Amino acid sequence: MPSTVVDSPIGPLGLIASEAGLRSVVFDGRTIRPEGSSPVLDDAARQVKAYFDGELVTFDLPLELHGSDFNRSCWLALASIPYGQTVSYGEQARRLGLGSDAARAVGAANGRNPLPIVLPCHRVIGADGSLTGFGGGLHVKRFLLEHEGALLPLG
């Protein structure tokens, strides 16, 4: 399966794609051995670079998502959170037509998001505004939200 590594301000990001779509964004890209190429992979690498260069606010890529219907619905809903904005896990649950009591289930699904940044789970925060859970670490979540202007930089 084609894969590449993109240098970013948060470290090397591994991208894995099939011919059909982007399958995975891996935070520690050093674990990915670049292999092969494809139009999907090349476009994904270009868009990730443009995002970090401040030139792209919405990704437009074919995606190949593998997961339960619930997980996929949670992941795809992330794409509707505008650049530079945040929502709570309860709000994401409500947007999915679930009660806010489904916030934990939504959070767990977001934690399994195979395409962080592209499907921006970093834009989902605690109901009290706290930065909670993120596969890349809370310092990366904070960086991404600051990059998008959703948080003021610390200090």
N, C-alpha and C. Protein backbone atom coordinates (compact mmCIF):
# COMPACT_ATOMS: atom_id res chain seq x y z
N MET A 1 0.85 -1.18 0.00
CA MET A 1 0.00 0.00 0.00
C MET A 1 0.89 1.24 0.00
N PRO A 2 0.62 2.19 -0.87
CA PRO A 2 1.46 3.39 -0.95
C PRO A 2 1.48 4.16 0.38
N SER A 3 2.67 4.65 0.73
CA SER A 3 2.81 5.44 1.96
C SER A 3 3.93 6.45 1.76
N THR A 4 3.85 7.52 2.54
CA THR A 4 4.89 8.54 2.49
C THR A 4 4.96 9.21 3.86
N VAL A 5 5.98 10.02 4.05
CA VAL A 5 6.15 10.79 5.28
C VAL A 5 6.23 12.26 4.90
N VAL A 6 5.45 13.08 5.59
CA VAL A 6 5.43 14.52 5.36
C VAL A 6 5.99 15.21 6.59
N ASP A 7 6.98 16.07 6.39
CA ASP A 7 7.51 16.85 7.51
C ASP A 7 6.49 17.92 7.87
N SER A 8 6.29 18.13 9.18
CA SER A 8 5.34 19.13 9.64
C SER A 8 5.88 19.75 10.93
N PRO A 9 5.28 20.84 11.37
CA PRO A 9 5.72 21.47 12.62
C PRO A 9 5.48 20.59 13.85
N ILE A 10 4.65 19.56 13.71
CA ILE A 10 4.39 18.66 14.85
C ILE A 10 5.16 17.35 14.70
N GLY A 11 6.09 17.32 13.77
CA GLY A 11 6.90 16.13 13.54
C GLY A 11 6.48 15.44 12.26
N PRO A 12 7.20 14.37 11.92
CA PRO A 12 6.88 13.67 10.67
C PRO A 12 5.53 12.98 10.76
N LEU A 13 4.70 13.18 9.73
CA LEU A 13 3.39 12.54 9.65
C LEU A 13 3.44 11.47 8.57
N GLY A 14 3.03 10.27 8.93
CA GLY A 14 2.95 9.20 7.96
C GLY A 14 1.59 9.21 7.30
N LEU A 15 1.56 9.07 5.99
CA LEU A 15 0.31 9.00 5.24
C LEU A 15 0.26 7.66 4.53
N ILE A 16 -0.86 6.98 4.65
CA ILE A 16 -1.05 5.69 3.99
C ILE A 16 -2.32 5.78 3.17
N ALA A 17 -2.23 5.34 1.93
CA ALA A 17 -3.38 5.43 1.04
C ALA A 17 -3.51 4.15 0.23
N SER A 18 -4.69 3.95 -0.28
CA SER A 18 -4.92 2.93 -1.30
C SER A 18 -5.16 3.68 -2.60
N GLU A 19 -5.44 2.99 -3.64
CA GLU A 19 -5.79 3.67 -4.89
C GLU A 19 -7.13 4.40 -4.74
N ALA A 20 -7.97 3.92 -3.80
CA ALA A 20 -9.32 4.48 -3.63
C ALA A 20 -9.34 5.71 -2.74
N GLY A 21 -8.44 5.80 -1.75
CA GLY A 21 -8.51 6.93 -0.84
C GLY A 21 -7.46 6.88 0.25
N LEU A 22 -7.37 7.98 0.98
CA LEU A 22 -6.47 8.08 2.13
C LEU A 22 -7.00 7.19 3.24
N ARG A 23 -6.15 6.36 3.81
CA ARG A 23 -6.56 5.41 4.85
C ARG A 23 -6.10 5.80 6.25
N SER A 24 -4.94 6.46 6.34
CA SER A 24 -4.40 6.69 7.67
C SER A 24 -3.44 7.87 7.68
N VAL A 25 -3.49 8.63 8.79
CA VAL A 25 -2.49 9.63 9.11
C VAL A 25 -1.88 9.19 10.44
N VAL A 26 -0.57 8.99 10.45
CA VAL A 26 0.13 8.47 11.62
C VAL A 26 1.00 9.58 12.20
N PHE A 27 0.80 9.88 13.48
CA PHE A 27 1.54 10.98 14.10
C PHE A 27 3.04 10.76 14.10
N ASP A 28 3.51 9.59 14.44
CA ASP A 28 4.96 9.37 14.43
C ASP A 28 5.33 8.75 13.09
N GLY A 29 5.52 9.61 12.12
CA GLY A 29 5.81 9.14 10.77
C GLY A 29 7.10 8.36 10.65
N ARG A 30 7.94 8.42 11.68
CA ARG A 30 9.19 7.64 11.63
C ARG A 30 8.90 6.15 11.62
N THR A 31 7.68 5.75 11.99
CA THR A 31 7.32 4.34 11.98
C THR A 31 6.86 3.88 10.60
N ILE A 32 6.77 4.80 9.66
CA ILE A 32 6.30 4.50 8.30
C ILE A 32 7.49 4.47 7.35
N ARG A 33 7.57 3.41 6.58
CA ARG A 33 8.59 3.34 5.54
C ARG A 33 7.95 3.77 4.22
N PRO A 34 8.38 4.90 3.66
CA PRO A 34 7.78 5.34 2.40
C PRO A 34 7.87 4.23 1.35
N GLU A 35 6.74 4.01 0.71
CA GLU A 35 6.66 2.90 -0.23
C GLU A 35 5.65 3.22 -1.33
N GLY A 36 6.10 3.27 -2.54
CA GLY A 36 5.19 3.48 -3.65
C GLY A 36 4.64 4.89 -3.69
N SER A 37 3.78 5.11 -4.66
CA SER A 37 3.16 6.41 -4.83
C SER A 37 1.80 6.20 -5.49
N SER A 38 0.95 7.18 -5.36
CA SER A 38 -0.35 7.15 -6.03
C SER A 38 -0.85 8.58 -6.11
N PRO A 39 -1.76 8.85 -7.03
CA PRO A 39 -2.32 10.21 -7.10
C PRO A 39 -2.97 10.63 -5.78
N VAL A 40 -3.65 9.71 -5.11
CA VAL A 40 -4.29 10.02 -3.82
C VAL A 40 -3.24 10.41 -2.80
N LEU A 41 -2.18 9.63 -2.70
CA LEU A 41 -1.12 9.90 -1.73
C LEU A 41 -0.42 11.23 -2.03
N ASP A 42 -0.13 11.47 -3.30
CA ASP A 42 0.54 12.72 -3.67
C ASP A 42 -0.34 13.92 -3.33
N ASP A 43 -1.65 13.83 -3.60
CA ASP A 43 -2.56 14.92 -3.29
C ASP A 43 -2.69 15.11 -1.78
N ALA A 44 -2.75 14.01 -1.03
CA ALA A 44 -2.83 14.11 0.43
C ALA A 44 -1.60 14.81 0.99
N ALA A 45 -0.42 14.43 0.52
CA ALA A 45 0.82 15.07 1.00
C ALA A 45 0.81 16.56 0.67
N ARG A 46 0.37 16.92 -0.53
CA ARG A 46 0.30 18.33 -0.93
C ARG A 46 -0.66 19.10 -0.03
N GLN A 47 -1.83 18.50 0.25
CA GLN A 47 -2.82 19.20 1.08
C GLN A 47 -2.38 19.32 2.53
N VAL A 48 -1.72 18.30 3.07
CA VAL A 48 -1.23 18.38 4.45
C VAL A 48 -0.19 19.51 4.55
N LYS A 49 0.71 19.58 3.60
CA LYS A 49 1.70 20.67 3.60
C LYS A 49 1.01 22.03 3.51
N ALA A 50 0.02 22.15 2.63
CA ALA A 50 -0.71 23.41 2.48
C ALA A 50 -1.44 23.79 3.76
N TYR A 51 -1.99 22.80 4.48
CA TYR A 51 -2.65 23.06 5.77
C TYR A 51 -1.65 23.71 6.74
N PHE A 52 -0.49 23.11 6.87
CA PHE A 52 0.49 23.64 7.82
C PHE A 52 1.11 24.96 7.35
N ASP A 53 1.08 25.20 6.05
CA ASP A 53 1.56 26.48 5.53
C ASP A 53 0.50 27.58 5.64
N GLY A 54 -0.69 27.24 6.17
CA GLY A 54 -1.77 28.20 6.32
C GLY A 54 -2.50 28.51 5.02
N GLU A 55 -2.36 27.65 4.02
CA GLU A 55 -2.96 27.87 2.71
C GLU A 55 -4.21 27.02 2.47
N LEU A 56 -4.54 26.14 3.40
CA LEU A 56 -5.67 25.23 3.21
C LEU A 56 -6.45 25.12 4.52
N VAL A 57 -7.77 25.27 4.45
CA VAL A 57 -8.59 25.16 5.65
C VAL A 57 -9.55 23.96 5.58
N THR A 58 -9.76 23.42 4.40
CA THR A 58 -10.65 22.26 4.24
C THR A 58 -9.98 21.25 3.33
N PHE A 59 -9.85 20.04 3.81
CA PHE A 59 -9.27 18.97 2.99
C PHE A 59 -10.31 18.47 2.00
N ASP A 60 -9.85 18.14 0.82
CA ASP A 60 -10.72 17.59 -0.22
C ASP A 60 -10.01 16.37 -0.81
N LEU A 61 -10.20 15.25 -0.15
CA LEU A 61 -9.53 14.01 -0.52
C LEU A 61 -10.52 12.85 -0.51
N PRO A 62 -10.33 11.88 -1.39
CA PRO A 62 -11.11 10.65 -1.24
C PRO A 62 -10.59 9.91 -0.01
N LEU A 63 -11.50 9.38 0.78
CA LEU A 63 -11.13 8.69 2.01
C LEU A 63 -11.56 7.23 1.94
N GLU A 64 -10.76 6.38 2.53
CA GLU A 64 -11.13 4.97 2.67
C GLU A 64 -11.15 4.67 4.17
N LEU A 65 -12.34 4.71 4.74
CA LEU A 65 -12.51 4.53 6.18
C LEU A 65 -12.98 3.12 6.49
N HIS A 66 -12.29 2.50 7.43
CA HIS A 66 -12.67 1.17 7.89
C HIS A 66 -13.04 1.26 9.36
N GLY A 67 -14.25 0.90 9.69
CA GLY A 67 -14.73 0.94 11.07
C GLY A 67 -16.22 0.67 11.08
N SER A 68 -16.77 0.65 12.27
CA SER A 68 -18.21 0.42 12.39
C SER A 68 -18.97 1.60 11.80
N ASP A 69 -20.25 1.39 11.53
CA ASP A 69 -21.08 2.49 11.03
C ASP A 69 -21.05 3.67 12.00
N PHE A 70 -21.12 3.38 13.31
CA PHE A 70 -21.09 4.45 14.31
C PHE A 70 -19.78 5.22 14.24
N ASN A 71 -18.66 4.50 14.22
CA ASN A 71 -17.36 5.18 14.15
C ASN A 71 -17.26 6.03 12.90
N ARG A 72 -17.62 5.47 11.76
CA ARG A 72 -17.53 6.23 10.51
C ARG A 72 -18.41 7.47 10.55
N SER A 73 -19.61 7.36 11.13
CA SER A 73 -20.47 8.55 11.21
C SER A 73 -19.83 9.62 12.09
N CYS A 74 -19.22 9.22 13.19
CA CYS A 74 -18.53 10.18 14.06
C CYS A 74 -17.36 10.82 13.32
N TRP A 75 -16.57 10.02 12.62
CA TRP A 75 -15.40 10.55 11.92
C TRP A 75 -15.80 11.52 10.82
N LEU A 76 -16.80 11.16 10.03
CA LEU A 76 -17.22 12.03 8.93
C LEU A 76 -17.83 13.33 9.45
N ALA A 77 -18.49 13.26 10.61
CA ALA A 77 -19.07 14.47 11.20
C ALA A 77 -17.99 15.48 11.58
N LEU A 78 -16.78 15.01 11.85
CA LEU A 78 -15.69 15.91 12.21
C LEU A 78 -15.40 16.90 11.09
N ALA A 79 -15.58 16.47 9.85
CA ALA A 79 -15.29 17.33 8.71
C ALA A 79 -16.22 18.54 8.64
N SER A 80 -17.34 18.49 9.35
CA SER A 80 -18.28 19.61 9.32
C SER A 80 -17.95 20.68 10.37
N ILE A 81 -16.96 20.44 11.21
CA ILE A 81 -16.55 21.45 12.19
C ILE A 81 -15.63 22.43 11.47
N PRO A 82 -16.04 23.67 11.36
CA PRO A 82 -15.24 24.63 10.58
C PRO A 82 -13.84 24.86 11.15
N TYR A 83 -12.92 25.12 10.26
CA TYR A 83 -11.55 25.51 10.60
C TYR A 83 -11.61 26.65 11.62
N GLY A 84 -10.81 26.54 12.66
CA GLY A 84 -10.73 27.62 13.64
C GLY A 84 -11.85 27.62 14.67
N GLN A 85 -12.70 26.59 14.65
CA GLN A 85 -13.79 26.51 15.63
C GLN A 85 -13.70 25.18 16.37
N THR A 86 -14.34 25.14 17.52
CA THR A 86 -14.38 23.91 18.30
C THR A 86 -15.82 23.60 18.69
N VAL A 87 -16.07 22.34 19.00
CA VAL A 87 -17.34 21.90 19.57
C VAL A 87 -17.02 20.94 20.71
N SER A 88 -17.97 20.76 21.59
CA SER A 88 -17.80 19.79 22.67
C SER A 88 -18.19 18.41 22.16
N TYR A 89 -17.78 17.40 22.91
CA TYR A 89 -18.17 16.02 22.56
C TYR A 89 -19.69 15.89 22.61
N GLY A 90 -20.33 16.54 23.58
CA GLY A 90 -21.79 16.51 23.66
C GLY A 90 -22.44 17.16 22.46
N GLU A 91 -21.86 18.27 21.99
CA GLU A 91 -22.39 18.93 20.79
C GLU A 91 -22.22 18.05 19.57
N GLN A 92 -21.09 17.38 19.46
CA GLN A 92 -20.90 16.47 18.32
C GLN A 92 -21.95 15.36 18.38
N ALA A 93 -22.21 14.84 19.58
CA ALA A 93 -23.24 13.80 19.72
C ALA A 93 -24.61 14.34 19.29
N ARG A 94 -24.95 15.54 19.72
CA ARG A 94 -26.24 16.15 19.32
C ARG A 94 -26.31 16.34 17.81
N ARG A 95 -25.22 16.76 17.21
CA ARG A 95 -25.20 16.95 15.75
C ARG A 95 -25.40 15.62 15.01
N LEU A 96 -25.04 14.53 15.66
CA LEU A 96 -25.23 13.21 15.07
C LEU A 96 -26.64 12.66 15.35
N GLY A 97 -27.45 13.47 16.04
CA GLY A 97 -28.80 13.03 16.36
C GLY A 97 -28.87 12.17 17.61
N LEU A 98 -27.83 12.20 18.40
CA LEU A 98 -27.77 11.45 19.65
C LEU A 98 -27.94 12.43 20.81
N GLY A 99 -28.25 11.92 21.94
CA GLY A 99 -28.31 12.79 23.12
C GLY A 99 -26.91 13.12 23.59
N SER A 100 -26.80 14.20 24.37
CA SER A 100 -25.48 14.58 24.87
C SER A 100 -24.90 13.50 25.79
N ASP A 101 -25.77 12.56 26.26
CA ASP A 101 -25.27 11.47 27.08
C ASP A 101 -24.42 10.49 26.25
N ALA A 102 -24.40 10.66 24.93
CA ALA A 102 -23.57 9.83 24.06
C ALA A 102 -22.18 10.44 23.88
N ALA A 103 -21.88 11.49 24.62
CA ALA A 103 -20.60 12.19 24.46
C ALA A 103 -19.41 11.26 24.66
N ARG A 104 -19.48 10.37 25.63
CA ARG A 104 -18.35 9.45 25.87
C ARG A 104 -18.16 8.50 24.70
N ALA A 105 -19.26 7.99 24.15
CA ALA A 105 -19.17 7.08 23.00
C ALA A 105 -18.58 7.82 21.80
N VAL A 106 -18.99 9.07 21.61
CA VAL A 106 -18.45 9.88 20.52
C VAL A 106 -16.96 10.11 20.75
N GLY A 107 -16.59 10.42 21.98
CA GLY A 107 -15.18 10.62 22.31
C GLY A 107 -14.35 9.38 22.04
N ALA A 108 -14.90 8.22 22.39
CA ALA A 108 -14.18 6.97 22.13
C ALA A 108 -14.03 6.74 20.63
N ALA A 109 -15.06 7.02 19.87
CA ALA A 109 -14.97 6.88 18.41
C ALA A 109 -13.93 7.85 17.85
N ASN A 110 -13.94 9.09 18.32
CA ASN A 110 -12.95 10.07 17.86
C ASN A 110 -11.54 9.59 18.17
N GLY A 111 -11.38 8.90 19.30
CA GLY A 111 -10.08 8.38 19.67
C GLY A 111 -9.58 7.30 18.72
N ARG A 112 -10.47 6.73 17.94
CA ARG A 112 -10.10 5.72 16.94
C ARG A 112 -10.03 6.30 15.53
N ASN A 113 -10.13 7.62 15.41
CA ASN A 113 -10.10 8.29 14.12
C ASN A 113 -8.78 7.98 13.41
N PRO A 114 -8.83 7.31 12.25
CA PRO A 114 -7.59 6.97 11.55
C PRO A 114 -7.01 8.13 10.74
N LEU A 115 -7.74 9.24 10.65
CA LEU A 115 -7.30 10.37 9.82
C LEU A 115 -7.27 11.68 10.59
N PRO A 116 -6.54 11.72 11.72
CA PRO A 116 -6.47 12.99 12.44
C PRO A 116 -5.92 14.07 11.52
N ILE A 117 -6.27 15.28 11.80
CA ILE A 117 -5.97 16.50 11.04
C ILE A 117 -6.89 16.58 9.83
N VAL A 118 -6.91 15.56 8.98
CA VAL A 118 -7.79 15.55 7.81
C VAL A 118 -9.25 15.52 8.26
N LEU A 119 -9.58 14.63 9.18
CA LEU A 119 -10.88 14.62 9.87
C LEU A 119 -10.57 15.16 11.26
N PRO A 120 -10.81 16.44 11.49
CA PRO A 120 -10.20 17.19 12.59
C PRO A 120 -10.78 16.92 13.99
N CYS A 121 -10.41 15.78 14.54
CA CYS A 121 -10.85 15.46 15.91
C CYS A 121 -10.24 16.41 16.93
N HIS A 122 -9.17 17.12 16.55
CA HIS A 122 -8.58 18.09 17.48
C HIS A 122 -9.53 19.25 17.76
N ARG A 123 -10.55 19.43 16.94
CA ARG A 123 -11.51 20.52 17.14
C ARG A 123 -12.61 20.16 18.14
N VAL A 124 -12.55 18.97 18.71
CA VAL A 124 -13.55 18.56 19.71
C VAL A 124 -12.89 18.64 21.08
N ILE A 125 -13.54 19.38 21.97
CA ILE A 125 -12.97 19.65 23.29
C ILE A 125 -14.00 19.31 24.37
N GLY A 126 -13.57 19.37 25.62
CA GLY A 126 -14.47 19.12 26.73
C GLY A 126 -15.54 20.19 26.84
N ALA A 127 -16.65 19.84 27.47
CA ALA A 127 -17.78 20.78 27.64
C ALA A 127 -17.34 22.04 28.39
N ASP A 128 -16.33 21.92 29.24
CA ASP A 128 -15.84 23.07 30.01
C ASP A 128 -14.73 23.83 29.27
N GLY A 129 -14.49 23.46 28.01
CA GLY A 129 -13.46 24.13 27.22
C GLY A 129 -12.08 23.51 27.37
N SER A 130 -11.97 22.45 28.17
CA SER A 130 -10.67 21.82 28.38
C SER A 130 -10.26 20.99 27.17
N LEU A 131 -8.95 20.91 26.98
CA LEU A 131 -8.41 20.05 25.93
C LEU A 131 -8.31 18.65 26.52
N THR A 132 -9.05 17.75 25.96
CA THR A 132 -9.06 16.39 26.47
C THR A 132 -8.67 15.43 25.37
N GLY A 133 -8.10 14.31 25.76
CA GLY A 133 -7.76 13.21 24.89
C GLY A 133 -7.42 13.54 23.45
N PHE A 134 -6.23 13.14 23.03
CA PHE A 134 -5.85 13.30 21.64
C PHE A 134 -4.69 12.36 21.37
N GLY A 135 -4.80 11.58 20.31
CA GLY A 135 -3.80 10.56 20.00
C GLY A 135 -2.39 11.11 19.80
N GLY A 136 -2.29 12.34 19.34
CA GLY A 136 -0.98 12.94 19.13
C GLY A 136 -0.43 13.62 20.37
N GLY A 137 -1.21 13.61 21.45
CA GLY A 137 -0.83 14.30 22.68
C GLY A 137 -1.50 15.66 22.76
N LEU A 138 -1.75 16.10 23.98
CA LEU A 138 -2.45 17.37 24.16
C LEU A 138 -1.63 18.56 23.66
N HIS A 139 -0.30 18.46 23.70
CA HIS A 139 0.52 19.56 23.17
C HIS A 139 0.32 19.71 21.66
N VAL A 140 0.08 18.61 20.96
CA VAL A 140 -0.19 18.67 19.51
C VAL A 140 -1.59 19.23 19.27
N LYS A 141 -2.56 18.80 20.09
CA LYS A 141 -3.91 19.33 19.96
C LYS A 141 -3.89 20.84 20.14
N ARG A 142 -3.19 21.30 21.17
CA ARG A 142 -3.08 22.74 21.44
C ARG A 142 -2.42 23.43 20.25
N PHE A 143 -1.34 22.86 19.72
CA PHE A 143 -0.67 23.47 18.58
C PHE A 143 -1.62 23.62 17.40
N LEU A 144 -2.36 22.55 17.08
CA LEU A 144 -3.28 22.58 15.93
C LEU A 144 -4.36 23.64 16.13
N LEU A 145 -4.92 23.73 17.34
CA LEU A 145 -5.95 24.73 17.60
C LEU A 145 -5.39 26.15 17.57
N GLU A 146 -4.17 26.33 18.05
CA GLU A 146 -3.52 27.64 17.95
C GLU A 146 -3.23 27.98 16.49
N HIS A 147 -2.77 26.99 15.74
CA HIS A 147 -2.48 27.17 14.31
C HIS A 147 -3.73 27.66 13.57
N GLU A 148 -4.89 27.13 13.96
CA GLU A 148 -6.14 27.50 13.32
C GLU A 148 -6.78 28.76 13.90
N GLY A 149 -6.19 29.29 14.98
CA GLY A 149 -6.73 30.48 15.59
C GLY A 149 -7.89 30.23 16.54
N ALA A 150 -8.09 28.96 16.89
CA ALA A 150 -9.19 28.61 17.82
C ALA A 150 -8.76 28.81 19.28
N LEU A 151 -7.47 28.90 19.53
CA LEU A 151 -6.94 29.14 20.88
C LEU A 151 -5.85 30.19 20.78
N LEU A 152 -5.74 30.99 21.79
CA LEU A 152 -4.63 31.92 21.86
C LEU A 152 -3.41 31.16 22.35
N PRO A 153 -2.24 31.48 21.81
CA PRO A 153 -1.01 30.80 22.26
C PRO A 153 -0.77 31.04 23.74
N LEU A 154 -0.20 30.05 24.41
CA LEU A 154 0.18 30.21 25.81
C LEU A 154 1.38 31.13 25.91
N GLY A 155 1.41 31.87 27.03
CA GLY A 155 2.56 32.67 27.39
C GLY A 155 3.00 33.57 26.33
